[in-house]
């Protein structure tokens, strides 16, 4: 950590100068005491406290970058050190009765230093809370990363079930509706057979971004499986969900995807279905949603046949 100590060399230099100035002032106006006059308990107590303050300053400077919190901690500890240092000098140097400024040097920096140290610890505490919150988010994201789809930047089926379970609880607590929209691409398998799975994967990646752009901030889009997507719609009734489903179908129909090999535009269509949450489990709701999609697709399959 030498580079960190270099950043703080001005603080260390100022502290060293202040300590030596205090020593020179005492030597200039006072007289050295005989060894028999030394009170060793006070020497060890006051000198040891000053030494510990220096150790704390060194640890802070070695472990922290420059900044407001570091400055407050170092200034506070410097005030504590200086008071103990001046107090320790009194054990070796006898000051004249007419001198009073040594009492100010001994007692004044201590409360100021403690106030600055308290402010530094307070801001350090807030800093650590913010860091802990960020680490918790990163840890949660890392844990949930395996639940995300490997092809698109969307959550997968397991992530959808997890979020659906939380949303159902929240909807019941807030007494608000919760709806799901399922969207399934028509004849996607024939596109894979004609242009290859790599082109199909590229299409799904672009389509997932298009669908996200057509949703509200609070909506959650997940890839359920293959070419099937599910949108979780908080605070949304069935009528509004059907309107959003229609808009998503239109967005898919107007999606201008062109193949990478020949630049041929693919005409896409999608079928959607809607289910509003009732008093049921996430699996039961998803099953009802899939049945609604099957009913919606059956007339189209009959017409195409």
Foldseek 3Di string as FASTA:
>chain_A
DVVLCVQCVVLVVVLVVLLVVLVVVLVVAWAFDDPVQADVVLLCVLVVQLVVLVVVLVVLSVPDHDDDLNVLQSQLSSLQNQLSSLSNVCRTIPHDPPDDVSVCSNPVSNVVSVVSNVVSVVVVVVVVVVVVVVVVVVVVCVVCVVQDDPLARAGEQVVVQVVVQVLVVVCVVVVAKKKKKKKAKPPLVVVCVVQNVVQSSVVLRVLVVLLVVLDDPPKGWYAYDDRMIMIIDTRDDQVVVVVSNVVSQVSLQPDQDAGPPPRHGDGIGMFMFMDMDDPDHSVVRVVVRVVRRVVRCVVVVVVVD
